[in-house]
mmCIF file of all heavy atoms, coordinates in Angstrom:
data_MODEL
# 
_entry.id   MODEL 
# 
loop_
_atom_site.group_PDB 
_atom_site.id 
_atom_site.type_symbol 
_atom_site.label_atom_id 
_atom_site.label_alt_id 
_atom_site.label_comp_id 
_atom_site.label_asym_id 
_atom_site.label_entity_id 
_atom_site.label_seq_id 
_atom_site.pdbx_PDB_ins_code 
_atom_site.Cartn_x 
_atom_site.Cartn_y 
_atom_site.Cartn_z 
_atom_site.occupancy 
_atom_site.B_iso_or_equiv 
_atom_site.pdbx_formal_charge 
_atom_site.auth_seq_id 
_atom_site.auth_comp_id 
_atom_site.auth_asym_id 
_atom_site.auth_atom_id 
_atom_site.pdbx_PDB_model_num 
ATOM 1   N N   . GLY A 1 1  ? 78.897 -125.689 -136.535 1.00 0.00 ? 1  GLY A N   1 
ATOM 2   C CA  . GLY A 1 1  ? 78.007 -124.754 -135.842 1.00 0.00 ? 1  GLY A CA  1 
ATOM 3   C C   . GLY A 1 1  ? 78.536 -123.355 -135.823 1.00 0.00 ? 1  GLY A C   1 
ATOM 4   O O   . GLY A 1 1  ? 77.791 -122.375 -136.025 1.00 0.00 ? 1  GLY A O   1 
ATOM 5   N N   . VAL A 1 2  ? 79.837 -123.196 -135.571 1.00 0.00 ? 2  VAL A N   1 
ATOM 6   C CA  . VAL A 1 2  ? 80.457 -121.864 -135.594 1.00 0.00 ? 2  VAL A CA  1 
ATOM 7   C C   . VAL A 1 2  ? 80.400 -121.287 -137.006 1.00 0.00 ? 2  VAL A C   1 
ATOM 8   O O   . VAL A 1 2  ? 80.177 -120.077 -137.179 1.00 0.00 ? 2  VAL A O   1 
ATOM 9   C CB  . VAL A 1 2  ? 81.898 -121.948 -135.079 1.00 0.00 ? 2  VAL A CB  1 
ATOM 10  C CG1 . VAL A 1 2  ? 82.574 -120.580 -135.217 1.00 0.00 ? 2  VAL A CG1 1 
ATOM 11  C CG2 . VAL A 1 2  ? 81.925 -122.372 -133.598 1.00 0.00 ? 2  VAL A CG2 1 
ATOM 12  N N   . ALA A 1 3  ? 80.597 -122.099 -138.010 1.00 0.00 ? 3  ALA A N   1 
ATOM 13  C CA  . ALA A 1 3  ? 80.505 -121.621 -139.407 1.00 0.00 ? 3  ALA A CA  1 
ATOM 14  C C   . ALA A 1 3  ? 79.126 -121.095 -139.719 1.00 0.00 ? 3  ALA A C   1 
ATOM 15  O O   . ALA A 1 3  ? 78.968 -120.087 -140.385 1.00 0.00 ? 3  ALA A O   1 
ATOM 16  C CB  . ALA A 1 3  ? 80.911 -122.727 -140.377 1.00 0.00 ? 3  ALA A CB  1 
ATOM 17  N N   . ARG A 1 4  ? 78.100 -121.761 -139.185 1.00 0.00 ? 4  ARG A N   1 
ATOM 18  C CA  . ARG A 1 4  ? 76.740 -121.280 -139.406 1.00 0.00 ? 4  ARG A CA  1 
ATOM 19  C C   . ARG A 1 4  ? 76.514 -119.968 -138.657 1.00 0.00 ? 4  ARG A C   1 
ATOM 20  O O   . ARG A 1 4  ? 75.868 -119.053 -139.176 1.00 0.00 ? 4  ARG A O   1 
ATOM 21  C CB  . ARG A 1 4  ? 75.719 -122.308 -138.964 1.00 0.00 ? 4  ARG A CB  1 
ATOM 22  C CG  . ARG A 1 4  ? 75.520 -123.450 -139.961 1.00 0.00 ? 4  ARG A CG  1 
ATOM 23  C CD  . ARG A 1 4  ? 74.352 -124.315 -139.593 1.00 0.00 ? 4  ARG A CD  1 
ATOM 24  N NE  . ARG A 1 4  ? 74.690 -125.221 -138.511 1.00 0.00 ? 4  ARG A NE  1 
ATOM 25  C CZ  . ARG A 1 4  ? 75.215 -126.428 -138.676 1.00 0.00 ? 4  ARG A CZ  1 
ATOM 26  N NH1 . ARG A 1 4  ? 75.491 -126.861 -139.904 1.00 0.00 ? 4  ARG A NH1 1 
ATOM 27  N NH2 . ARG A 1 4  ? 75.474 -127.183 -137.643 1.00 0.00 ? 4  ARG A NH2 1 
ATOM 28  N N   . LEU A 1 5  ? 77.090 -119.854 -137.443 1.00 0.00 ? 5  LEU A N   1 
ATOM 29  C CA  . LEU A 1 5  ? 76.975 -118.602 -136.697 1.00 0.00 ? 5  LEU A CA  1 
ATOM 30  C C   . LEU A 1 5  ? 77.677 -117.474 -137.466 1.00 0.00 ? 5  LEU A C   1 
ATOM 31  O O   . LEU A 1 5  ? 77.178 -116.343 -137.466 1.00 0.00 ? 5  LEU A O   1 
ATOM 32  C CB  . LEU A 1 5  ? 77.596 -118.799 -135.311 1.00 0.00 ? 5  LEU A CB  1 
ATOM 33  C CG  . LEU A 1 5  ? 77.485 -117.617 -134.342 1.00 0.00 ? 5  LEU A CG  1 
ATOM 34  C CD1 . LEU A 1 5  ? 76.013 -117.213 -134.099 1.00 0.00 ? 5  LEU A CD1 1 
ATOM 35  C CD2 . LEU A 1 5  ? 78.157 -117.940 -132.997 1.00 0.00 ? 5  LEU A CD2 1 
ATOM 36  N N   . GLU A 1 6  ? 78.813 -117.773 -138.080 1.00 0.00 ? 6  GLU A N   1 
ATOM 37  C CA  . GLU A 1 6  ? 79.486 -116.756 -138.923 1.00 0.00 ? 6  GLU A CA  1 
ATOM 38  C C   . GLU A 1 6  ? 78.581 -116.244 -140.012 1.00 0.00 ? 6  GLU A C   1 
ATOM 39  O O   . GLU A 1 6  ? 78.497 -115.050 -140.274 1.00 0.00 ? 6  GLU A O   1 
ATOM 40  C CB  . GLU A 1 6  ? 80.747 -117.364 -139.563 1.00 0.00 ? 6  GLU A CB  1 
ATOM 41  C CG  . GLU A 1 6  ? 81.939 -117.531 -138.643 1.00 0.00 ? 6  GLU A CG  1 
ATOM 42  C CD  . GLU A 1 6  ? 83.180 -117.906 -139.427 1.00 0.00 ? 6  GLU A CD  1 
ATOM 43  O OE1 . GLU A 1 6  ? 83.404 -117.326 -140.515 1.00 0.00 ? 6  GLU A OE1 1 
ATOM 44  O OE2 . GLU A 1 6  ? 83.924 -118.798 -138.971 1.00 0.00 ? 6  GLU A OE2 1 
ATOM 45  N N   . ARG A 1 7  ? 77.918 -117.172 -140.690 1.00 0.00 ? 7  ARG A N   1 
ATOM 46  C CA  . ARG A 1 7  ? 77.031 -116.771 -141.799 1.00 0.00 ? 7  ARG A CA  1 
ATOM 47  C C   . ARG A 1 7  ? 75.886 -115.907 -141.324 1.00 0.00 ? 7  ARG A C   1 
ATOM 48  O O   . ARG A 1 7  ? 75.485 -114.961 -141.987 1.00 0.00 ? 7  ARG A O   1 
ATOM 49  C CB  . ARG A 1 7  ? 76.516 -118.013 -142.531 1.00 0.00 ? 7  ARG A CB  1 
ATOM 50  C CG  . ARG A 1 7  ? 77.603 -118.768 -143.300 1.00 0.00 ? 7  ARG A CG  1 
ATOM 51  C CD  . ARG A 1 7  ? 77.018 -119.762 -144.283 1.00 0.00 ? 7  ARG A CD  1 
ATOM 52  N NE  . ARG A 1 7  ? 76.383 -120.886 -143.602 1.00 0.00 ? 7  ARG A NE  1 
ATOM 53  C CZ  . ARG A 1 7  ? 77.050 -121.997 -143.251 1.00 0.00 ? 7  ARG A CZ  1 
ATOM 54  N NH1 . ARG A 1 7  ? 78.323 -122.117 -143.490 1.00 0.00 ? 7  ARG A NH1 1 
ATOM 55  N NH2 . ARG A 1 7  ? 76.405 -122.989 -142.687 1.00 0.00 ? 7  ARG A NH2 1 
ATOM 56  N N   . ILE A 1 8  ? 75.370 -116.228 -140.114 1.00 0.00 ? 8  ILE A N   1 
ATOM 57  C CA  . ILE A 1 8  ? 74.298 -115.412 -139.572 1.00 0.00 ? 8  ILE A CA  1 
ATOM 58  C C   . ILE A 1 8  ? 74.783 -113.997 -139.320 1.00 0.00 ? 8  ILE A C   1 
ATOM 59  O O   . ILE A 1 8  ? 74.159 -113.003 -139.725 1.00 0.00 ? 8  ILE A O   1 
ATOM 60  C CB  . ILE A 1 8  ? 73.759 -116.031 -138.269 1.00 0.00 ? 8  ILE A CB  1 
ATOM 61  C CG1 . ILE A 1 8  ? 73.071 -117.369 -138.559 1.00 0.00 ? 8  ILE A CG1 1 
ATOM 62  C CG2 . ILE A 1 8  ? 72.805 -115.080 -137.586 1.00 0.00 ? 8  ILE A CG2 1 
ATOM 63  C CD1 . ILE A 1 8  ? 72.753 -118.177 -137.275 1.00 0.00 ? 8  ILE A CD1 1 
ATOM 64  N N   . TRP A 1 9  ? 75.962 -113.894 -138.689 1.00 0.00 ? 9  TRP A N   1 
ATOM 65  C CA  . TRP A 1 9  ? 76.516 -112.559 -138.379 1.00 0.00 ? 9  TRP A CA  1 
ATOM 66  C C   . TRP A 1 9  ? 76.779 -111.770 -139.665 1.00 0.00 ? 9  TRP A C   1 
ATOM 67  O O   . TRP A 1 9  ? 76.523 -110.555 -139.714 1.00 0.00 ? 9  TRP A O   1 
ATOM 68  C CB  . TRP A 1 9  ? 77.798 -112.706 -137.558 1.00 0.00 ? 9  TRP A CB  1 
ATOM 69  C CG  . TRP A 1 9  ? 77.579 -112.676 -136.082 1.00 0.00 ? 9  TRP A CG  1 
ATOM 70  C CD1 . TRP A 1 9  ? 77.457 -113.752 -135.252 1.00 0.00 ? 9  TRP A CD1 1 
ATOM 71  C CD2 . TRP A 1 9  ? 77.365 -111.522 -135.280 1.00 0.00 ? 9  TRP A CD2 1 
ATOM 72  N NE1 . TRP A 1 9  ? 77.213 -113.335 -133.973 1.00 0.00 ? 9  TRP A NE1 1 
ATOM 73  C CE2 . TRP A 1 9  ? 77.153 -111.962 -133.961 1.00 0.00 ? 9  TRP A CE2 1 
ATOM 74  C CE3 . TRP A 1 9  ? 77.376 -110.146 -135.535 1.00 0.00 ? 9  TRP A CE3 1 
ATOM 75  C CZ2 . TRP A 1 9  ? 76.946 -111.084 -132.901 1.00 0.00 ? 9  TRP A CZ2 1 
ATOM 76  C CZ3 . TRP A 1 9  ? 77.182 -109.264 -134.476 1.00 0.00 ? 9  TRP A CZ3 1 
ATOM 77  C CH2 . TRP A 1 9  ? 76.945 -109.725 -133.173 1.00 0.00 ? 9  TRP A CH2 1 
ATOM 78  N N   . CYS A 1 10 ? 77.338 -112.430 -140.681 1.00 0.00 ? 10 CYS A N   1 
ATOM 79  C CA  . CYS A 1 10 ? 77.688 -111.743 -141.896 1.00 0.00 ? 10 CYS A CA  1 
ATOM 80  C C   . CYS A 1 10 ? 76.455 -111.286 -142.701 1.00 0.00 ? 10 CYS A C   1 
ATOM 81  O O   . CYS A 1 10 ? 76.577 -110.452 -143.597 1.00 0.00 ? 10 CYS A O   1 
ATOM 82  C CB  . CYS A 1 10 ? 78.613 -112.580 -142.739 1.00 0.00 ? 10 CYS A CB  1 
ATOM 83  S SG  . CYS A 1 10 ? 80.251 -112.777 -141.994 1.00 0.00 ? 10 CYS A SG  1 
ATOM 84  N N   . GLY A 1 11 ? 75.300 -111.847 -142.392 1.00 0.00 ? 11 GLY A N   1 
ATOM 85  C CA  . GLY A 1 11 ? 74.066 -111.464 -143.066 1.00 0.00 ? 11 GLY A CA  1 
ATOM 86  C C   . GLY A 1 11 ? 73.256 -110.444 -142.318 1.00 0.00 ? 11 GLY A C   1 
ATOM 87  O O   . GLY A 1 11 ? 72.226 -109.961 -142.818 1.00 0.00 ? 11 GLY A O   1 
ATOM 88  N N   . LEU A 1 12 ? 73.710 -110.079 -141.101 1.00 0.00 ? 12 LEU A N   1 
ATOM 89  C CA  . LEU A 1 12 ? 72.935 -109.154 -140.274 1.00 0.00 ? 12 LEU A CA  1 
ATOM 90  C C   . LEU A 1 12 ? 73.045 -107.703 -140.789 1.00 0.00 ? 12 LEU A C   1 
ATOM 91  O O   . LEU A 1 12 ? 74.106 -107.287 -141.207 1.00 0.00 ? 12 LEU A O   1 
ATOM 92  C CB  . LEU A 1 12 ? 73.396 -109.192 -138.820 1.00 0.00 ? 12 LEU A CB  1 
ATOM 93  C CG  . LEU A 1 12 ? 72.985 -110.396 -137.965 1.00 0.00 ? 12 LEU A CG  1 
ATOM 94  C CD1 . LEU A 1 12 ? 73.585 -110.237 -136.556 1.00 0.00 ? 12 LEU A CD1 1 
ATOM 95  C CD2 . LEU A 1 12 ? 71.462 -110.502 -137.894 1.00 0.00 ? 12 LEU A CD2 1 
ATOM 96  N N   . LYS A 1 13 ? 71.950 -106.997 -140.663 1.00 0.00 ? 13 LYS A N   1 
ATOM 97  C CA  . LYS A 1 13 ? 71.936 -105.573 -140.889 1.00 0.00 ? 13 LYS A CA  1 
ATOM 98  C C   . LYS A 1 13 ? 71.463 -104.899 -139.610 1.00 0.00 ? 13 LYS A C   1 
ATOM 99  O O   . LYS A 1 13 ? 70.753 -105.496 -138.791 1.00 0.00 ? 13 LYS A O   1 
ATOM 100 C CB  . LYS A 1 13 ? 70.987 -105.224 -142.053 1.00 0.00 ? 13 LYS A CB  1 
ATOM 101 C CG  . LYS A 1 13 ? 71.410 -105.806 -143.396 1.00 0.00 ? 13 LYS A CG  1 
ATOM 102 C CD  . LYS A 1 13 ? 70.417 -105.365 -144.471 1.00 0.00 ? 13 LYS A CD  1 
ATOM 103 C CE  . LYS A 1 13 ? 70.889 -105.868 -145.840 1.00 0.00 ? 13 LYS A CE  1 
ATOM 104 N NZ  . LYS A 1 13 ? 70.996 -107.343 -145.919 1.00 0.00 ? 13 LYS A NZ  1 
ATOM 105 N N   . ARG A 1 14 ? 71.885 -103.635 -139.422 1.00 0.00 ? 14 ARG A N   1 
ATOM 106 C CA  . ARG A 1 14 ? 71.532 -102.918 -138.205 1.00 0.00 ? 14 ARG A CA  1 
ATOM 107 C C   . ARG A 1 14 ? 70.034 -102.938 -137.951 1.00 0.00 ? 14 ARG A C   1 
ATOM 108 O O   . ARG A 1 14 ? 69.562 -103.143 -136.822 1.00 0.00 ? 14 ARG A O   1 
ATOM 109 C CB  . ARG A 1 14 ? 72.011 -101.486 -138.290 1.00 0.00 ? 14 ARG A CB  1 
ATOM 110 C CG  . ARG A 1 14 ? 71.659 -100.641 -137.060 1.00 0.00 ? 14 ARG A CG  1 
ATOM 111 C CD  . ARG A 1 14 ? 72.026 -99.183  -137.257 1.00 0.00 ? 14 ARG A CD  1 
ATOM 112 N NE  . ARG A 1 14 ? 73.470 -99.038  -137.448 1.00 0.00 ? 14 ARG A NE  1 
ATOM 113 C CZ  . ARG A 1 14 ? 74.055 -97.881  -137.801 1.00 0.00 ? 14 ARG A CZ  1 
ATOM 114 N NH1 . ARG A 1 14 ? 73.339 -96.828  -138.063 1.00 0.00 ? 14 ARG A NH1 1 
ATOM 115 N NH2 . ARG A 1 14 ? 75.380 -97.815  -137.932 1.00 0.00 ? 14 ARG A NH2 1 
ATOM 116 N N   . GLN A 1 15 ? 69.244 -102.768 -139.029 1.00 0.00 ? 15 GLN A N   1 
ATOM 117 C CA  . GLN A 1 15 ? 67.799 -102.707 -138.891 1.00 0.00 ? 15 GLN A CA  1 
ATOM 118 C C   . GLN A 1 15 ? 67.200 -104.037 -138.435 1.00 0.00 ? 15 GLN A C   1 
ATOM 119 O O   . GLN A 1 15 ? 66.133 -104.085 -137.865 1.00 0.00 ? 15 GLN A O   1 
ATOM 120 C CB  . GLN A 1 15 ? 67.144 -102.274 -140.212 1.00 0.00 ? 15 GLN A CB  1 
ATOM 121 C CG  . GLN A 1 15 ? 65.703 -101.863 -140.120 1.00 0.00 ? 15 GLN A CG  1 
ATOM 122 C CD  . GLN A 1 15 ? 65.480 -100.578 -139.318 1.00 0.00 ? 15 GLN A CD  1 
ATOM 123 O OE1 . GLN A 1 15 ? 66.446 -99.884  -138.965 1.00 0.00 ? 15 GLN A OE1 1 
ATOM 124 N NE2 . GLN A 1 15 ? 64.221 -100.281 -139.021 1.00 0.00 ? 15 GLN A NE2 1 
ATOM 125 N N   . ASP A 1 16 ? 67.951 -105.155 -138.679 1.00 0.00 ? 16 ASP A N   1 
ATOM 126 C CA  . ASP A 1 16 ? 67.461 -106.472 -138.223 1.00 0.00 ? 16 ASP A CA  1 
ATOM 127 C C   . ASP A 1 16 ? 67.481 -106.543 -136.714 1.00 0.00 ? 16 ASP A C   1 
ATOM 128 O O   . ASP A 1 16 ? 66.642 -107.214 -136.082 1.00 0.00 ? 16 ASP A O   1 
ATOM 129 C CB  . ASP A 1 16 ? 68.351 -107.572 -138.768 1.00 0.00 ? 16 ASP A CB  1 
ATOM 130 C CG  . ASP A 1 16 ? 68.292 -107.706 -140.257 1.00 0.00 ? 16 ASP A CG  1 
ATOM 131 O OD1 . ASP A 1 16 ? 67.259 -107.371 -140.844 1.00 0.00 ? 16 ASP A OD1 1 
ATOM 132 O OD2 . ASP A 1 16 ? 69.325 -108.115 -140.876 1.00 0.00 ? 16 ASP A OD2 1 
ATOM 133 N N   . VAL A 1 17 ? 68.461 -105.861 -136.096 1.00 0.00 ? 17 VAL A N   1 
ATOM 134 C CA  . VAL A 1 17 ? 68.624 -105.963 -134.656 1.00 0.00 ? 17 VAL A CA  1 
ATOM 135 C C   . VAL A 1 17 ? 68.041 -104.741 -133.937 1.00 0.00 ? 17 VAL A C   1 
ATOM 136 O O   . VAL A 1 17 ? 67.397 -104.897 -132.863 1.00 0.00 ? 17 VAL A O   1 
ATOM 137 C CB  . VAL A 1 17 ? 70.150 -106.057 -134.310 1.00 0.00 ? 17 VAL A CB  1 
ATOM 138 C CG1 . VAL A 1 17 ? 70.363 -106.189 -132.815 1.00 0.00 ? 17 VAL A CG1 1 
ATOM 139 C CG2 . VAL A 1 17 ? 70.761 -107.234 -135.061 1.00 0.00 ? 17 VAL A CG2 1 
ATOM 140 N N   . PHE A 1 18 ? 68.227 -103.560 -134.502 1.00 0.00 ? 18 PHE A N   1 
ATOM 141 C CA  . PHE A 1 18 ? 67.720 -102.307 -133.893 1.00 0.00 ? 18 PHE A CA  1 
ATOM 142 C C   . PHE A 1 18 ? 66.755 -101.599 -134.840 1.00 0.00 ? 18 PHE A C   1 
ATOM 143 O O   . PHE A 1 18 ? 67.116 -100.609 -135.453 1.00 0.00 ? 18 PHE A O   1 
ATOM 144 C CB  . PHE A 1 18 ? 68.895 -101.365 -133.551 1.00 0.00 ? 18 PHE A CB  1 
ATOM 145 C CG  . PHE A 1 18 ? 69.853 -101.886 -132.505 1.00 0.00 ? 18 PHE A CG  1 
ATOM 146 C CD1 . PHE A 1 18 ? 71.043 -102.477 -132.898 1.00 0.00 ? 18 PHE A CD1 1 
ATOM 147 C CD2 . PHE A 1 18 ? 69.526 -101.807 -131.182 1.00 0.00 ? 18 PHE A CD2 1 
ATOM 148 C CE1 . PHE A 1 18 ? 71.927 -102.928 -131.929 1.00 0.00 ? 18 PHE A CE1 1 
ATOM 149 C CE2 . PHE A 1 18 ? 70.398 -102.283 -130.211 1.00 0.00 ? 18 PHE A CE2 1 
ATOM 150 C CZ  . PHE A 1 18 ? 71.647 -102.849 -130.605 1.00 0.00 ? 18 PHE A CZ  1 
ATOM 151 N N   . PRO A 1 19 ? 65.540 -102.113 -135.005 1.00 0.00 ? 19 PRO A N   1 
ATOM 152 C CA  . PRO A 1 19 ? 64.583 -101.471 -135.909 1.00 0.00 ? 19 PRO A CA  1 
ATOM 153 C C   . PRO A 1 19 ? 63.998 -100.188 -135.302 1.00 0.00 ? 19 PRO A C   1 
ATOM 154 O O   . PRO A 1 19 ? 62.982 -100.209 -134.619 1.00 0.00 ? 19 PRO A O   1 
ATOM 155 C CB  . PRO A 1 19 ? 63.505 -102.524 -136.095 1.00 0.00 ? 19 PRO A CB  1 
ATOM 156 C CG  . PRO A 1 19 ? 63.551 -103.356 -134.840 1.00 0.00 ? 19 PRO A CG  1 
ATOM 157 C CD  . PRO A 1 19 ? 64.983 -103.324 -134.395 1.00 0.00 ? 19 PRO A CD  1 
ATOM 158 N N   . VAL A 1 20 ? 64.680 -99.073  -135.519 1.00 0.00 ? 20 VAL A N   1 
ATOM 159 C CA  . VAL A 1 20 ? 64.245 -97.786  -134.999 1.00 0.00 ? 20 VAL A CA  1 
ATOM 160 C C   . VAL A 1 20 ? 63.407 -97.067  -136.046 1.00 0.00 ? 20 VAL A C   1 
ATOM 161 O O   . VAL A 1 20 ? 63.820 -96.897  -137.199 1.00 0.00 ? 20 VAL A O   1 
ATOM 162 C CB  . VAL A 1 20 ? 65.470 -96.899  -134.636 1.00 0.00 ? 20 VAL A CB  1 
ATOM 163 C CG1 . VAL A 1 20 ? 65.006 -95.565  -134.101 1.00 0.00 ? 20 VAL A CG1 1 
ATOM 164 C CG2 . VAL A 1 20 ? 66.331 -97.621  -133.596 1.00 0.00 ? 20 VAL A CG2 1 
ATOM 165 N N   . THR A 1 21 ? 62.200 -96.684  -135.697 1.00 0.00 ? 21 THR A N   1 
ATOM 166 C CA  . THR A 1 21 ? 61.301 -95.956  -136.597 1.00 0.00 ? 21 THR A CA  1 
ATOM 167 C C   . THR A 1 21 ? 60.977 -94.580  -136.015 1.00 0.00 ? 21 THR A C   1 
ATOM 168 O O   . THR A 1 21 ? 61.116 -94.350  -134.804 1.00 0.00 ? 21 THR A O   1 
ATOM 169 C CB  . THR A 1 21 ? 60.018 -96.732  -136.788 1.00 0.00 ? 21 THR A CB  1 
ATOM 170 O OG1 . THR A 1 21 ? 59.309 -96.834  -135.540 1.00 0.00 ? 21 THR A OG1 1 
ATOM 171 C CG2 . THR A 1 21 ? 60.276 -98.150  -137.314 1.00 0.00 ? 21 THR A CG2 1 
ATOM 172 N N   . LEU A 1 22 ? 60.504 -93.699  -136.887 1.00 0.00 ? 22 LEU A N   1 
ATOM 173 C CA  . LEU A 1 22 ? 60.121 -92.365  -136.428 1.00 0.00 ? 22 LEU A CA  1 
ATOM 174 C C   . LEU A 1 22 ? 59.027 -92.457  -135.387 1.00 0.00 ? 22 LEU A C   1 
ATOM 175 O O   . LEU A 1 22 ? 59.043 -91.769  -134.387 1.00 0.00 ? 22 LEU A O   1 
ATOM 176 C CB  . LEU A 1 22 ? 59.659 -91.520  -137.613 1.00 0.00 ? 22 LEU A CB  1 
ATOM 177 C CG  . LEU A 1 22 ? 59.189 -90.081  -137.284 1.00 0.00 ? 22 LEU A CG  1 
ATOM 178 C CD1 . LEU A 1 22 ? 60.303 -89.305  -136.615 1.00 0.00 ? 22 LEU A CD1 1 
ATOM 179 C CD2 . LEU A 1 22 ? 58.717 -89.405  -138.547 1.00 0.00 ? 22 LEU A CD2 1 
ATOM 180 N N   . ARG A 1 23 ? 58.081 -93.341  -135.619 1.00 0.00 ? 23 ARG A N   1 
ATOM 181 C CA  . ARG A 1 23 ? 56.978 -93.504  -134.654 1.00 0.00 ? 23 ARG A CA  1 
ATOM 182 C C   . ARG A 1 23 ? 57.528 -93.928  -133.282 1.00 0.00 ? 23 ARG A C   1 
ATOM 183 O O   . ARG A 1 23 ? 57.077 -93.438  -132.249 1.00 0.00 ? 23 ARG A O   1 
ATOM 184 C CB  . ARG A 1 23 ? 55.995 -94.565  -135.164 1.00 0.00 ? 23 ARG A CB  1 
ATOM 185 C CG  . ARG A 1 23 ? 54.815 -94.803  -134.231 1.00 0.00 ? 23 ARG A CG  1 
ATOM 186 C CD  . ARG A 1 23 ? 53.893 -95.853  -134.853 1.00 0.00 ? 23 ARG A CD  1 
ATOM 187 N NE  . ARG A 1 23 ? 52.783 -96.161  -133.953 1.00 0.00 ? 23 ARG A NE  1 
ATOM 188 C CZ  . ARG A 1 23 ? 51.858 -97.043  -134.221 1.00 0.00 ? 23 ARG A CZ  1 
ATOM 189 N NH1 . ARG A 1 23 ? 51.880 -97.735  -135.361 1.00 0.00 ? 23 ARG A NH1 1 
ATOM 190 N NH2 . ARG A 1 23 ? 50.899 -97.263  -133.353 1.00 0.00 ? 23 ARG A NH2 1 
ATOM 191 N N   . ARG A 1 24 ? 58.532 -94.839  -133.306 1.00 0.00 ? 24 ARG A N   1 
ATOM 192 C CA  . ARG A 1 24 ? 59.099 -95.302  -132.047 1.00 0.00 ? 24 ARG A CA  1 
ATOM 193 C C   . ARG A 1 24 ? 59.831 -94.158  -131.329 1.00 0.00 ? 24 ARG A C   1 
ATOM 194 O O   . ARG A 1 24 ? 59.748 -94.007  -130.114 1.00 0.00 ? 24 ARG A O   1 
ATOM 195 C CB  . ARG A 1 24 ? 60.065 -96.442  -132.337 1.00 0.00 ? 24 ARG A CB  1 
ATOM 196 C CG  . ARG A 1 24 ? 60.435 -97.262  -131.148 1.00 0.00 ? 24 ARG A CG  1 
ATOM 197 C CD  . ARG A 1 24 ? 59.413 -98.300  -130.850 1.00 0.00 ? 24 ARG A CD  1 
ATOM 198 N NE  . ARG A 1 24 ? 59.762 -99.072  -129.692 1.00 0.00 ? 24 ARG A NE  1 
ATOM 199 C CZ  . ARG A 1 24 ? 59.001 -100.065 -129.191 1.00 0.00 ? 24 ARG A CZ  1 
ATOM 200 N NH1 . ARG A 1 24 ? 57.869 -100.375 -129.789 1.00 0.00 ? 24 ARG A NH1 1 
ATOM 201 N NH2 . ARG A 1 24 ? 59.376 -100.724 -128.130 1.00 0.00 ? 24 ARG A NH2 1 
ATOM 202 N N   . MET A 1 25 ? 60.568 -93.356  -132.114 1.00 0.00 ? 25 MET A N   1 
ATOM 203 C CA  . MET A 1 25 ? 61.299 -92.253  -131.514 1.00 0.00 ? 25 MET A CA  1 
ATOM 204 C C   . MET A 1 25 ? 60.374 -91.206  -130.900 1.00 0.00 ? 25 MET A C   1 
ATOM 205 O O   . MET A 1 25 ? 60.636 -90.709  -129.819 1.00 0.00 ? 25 MET A O   1 
ATOM 206 C CB  . MET A 1 25 ? 62.210 -91.605  -132.570 1.00 0.00 ? 25 MET A CB  1 
ATOM 207 C CG  . MET A 1 25 ? 63.333 -92.530  -133.046 1.00 0.00 ? 25 MET A CG  1 
ATOM 208 S SD  . MET A 1 25 ? 64.312 -91.795  -134.391 1.00 0.00 ? 25 MET A SD  1 
ATOM 209 C CE  . MET A 1 25 ? 65.114 -90.470  -133.505 1.00 0.00 ? 25 MET A CE  1 
ATOM 210 N N   . VAL A 1 26 ? 59.293 -90.901  -131.608 1.00 0.00 ? 26 VAL A N   1 
ATOM 211 C CA  . VAL A 1 26 ? 58.328 -89.953  -131.068 1.00 0.00 ? 26 VAL A CA  1 
ATOM 212 C C   . VAL A 1 26 ? 57.683 -90.541  -129.787 1.00 0.00 ? 26 VAL A C   1 
ATOM 213 O O   . VAL A 1 26 ? 57.441 -89.834  -128.817 1.00 0.00 ? 26 VAL A O   1 
ATOM 214 C CB  . VAL A 1 26 ? 57.251 -89.615  -132.105 1.00 0.00 ? 26 VAL A CB  1 
ATOM 215 C CG1 . VAL A 1 26 ? 56.129 -88.785  -131.497 1.00 0.00 ? 26 VAL A CG1 1 
ATOM 216 C CG2 . VAL A 1 26 ? 57.883 -88.850  -133.289 1.00 0.00 ? 26 VAL A CG2 1 
ATOM 217 N N   . GLY A 1 27 ? 57.443 -91.865  -129.829 1.00 0.00 ? 27 GLY A N   1 
ATOM 218 C CA  . GLY A 1 27 ? 56.825 -92.498  -128.701 1.00 0.00 ? 27 GLY A CA  1 
ATOM 219 C C   . GLY A 1 27 ? 57.607 -92.429  -127.411 1.00 0.00 ? 27 GLY A C   1 
ATOM 220 O O   . GLY A 1 27 ? 57.065 -92.557  -126.314 1.00 0.00 ? 27 GLY A O   1 
ATOM 221 N N   . VAL A 1 28 ? 58.938 -92.254  -127.535 1.00 0.00 ? 28 VAL A N   1 
ATOM 222 C CA  . VAL A 1 28 ? 59.783 -92.169  -126.355 1.00 0.00 ? 28 VAL A CA  1 
ATOM 223 C C   . VAL A 1 28 ? 59.353 -91.014  -125.444 1.00 0.00 ? 28 VAL A C   1 
ATOM 224 O O   . VAL A 1 28 ? 59.469 -91.081  -124.236 1.00 0.00 ? 28 VAL A O   1 
ATOM 225 C CB  . VAL A 1 28 ? 61.267 -92.008  -126.748 1.00 0.00 ? 28 VAL A CB  1 
ATOM 226 C CG1 . VAL A 1 28 ? 62.122 -91.667  -125.554 1.00 0.00 ? 28 VAL A CG1 1 
ATOM 227 C CG2 . VAL A 1 28 ? 61.766 -93.283  -127.400 1.00 0.00 ? 28 VAL A CG2 1 
# 
């Protein structure tokens, strides 16, 4: 299970977790 969690972490990109778009920034 921990090995699978490692693979998930190693495949993550910033945009997967924090999808910031221009539209979102303007909407603030």
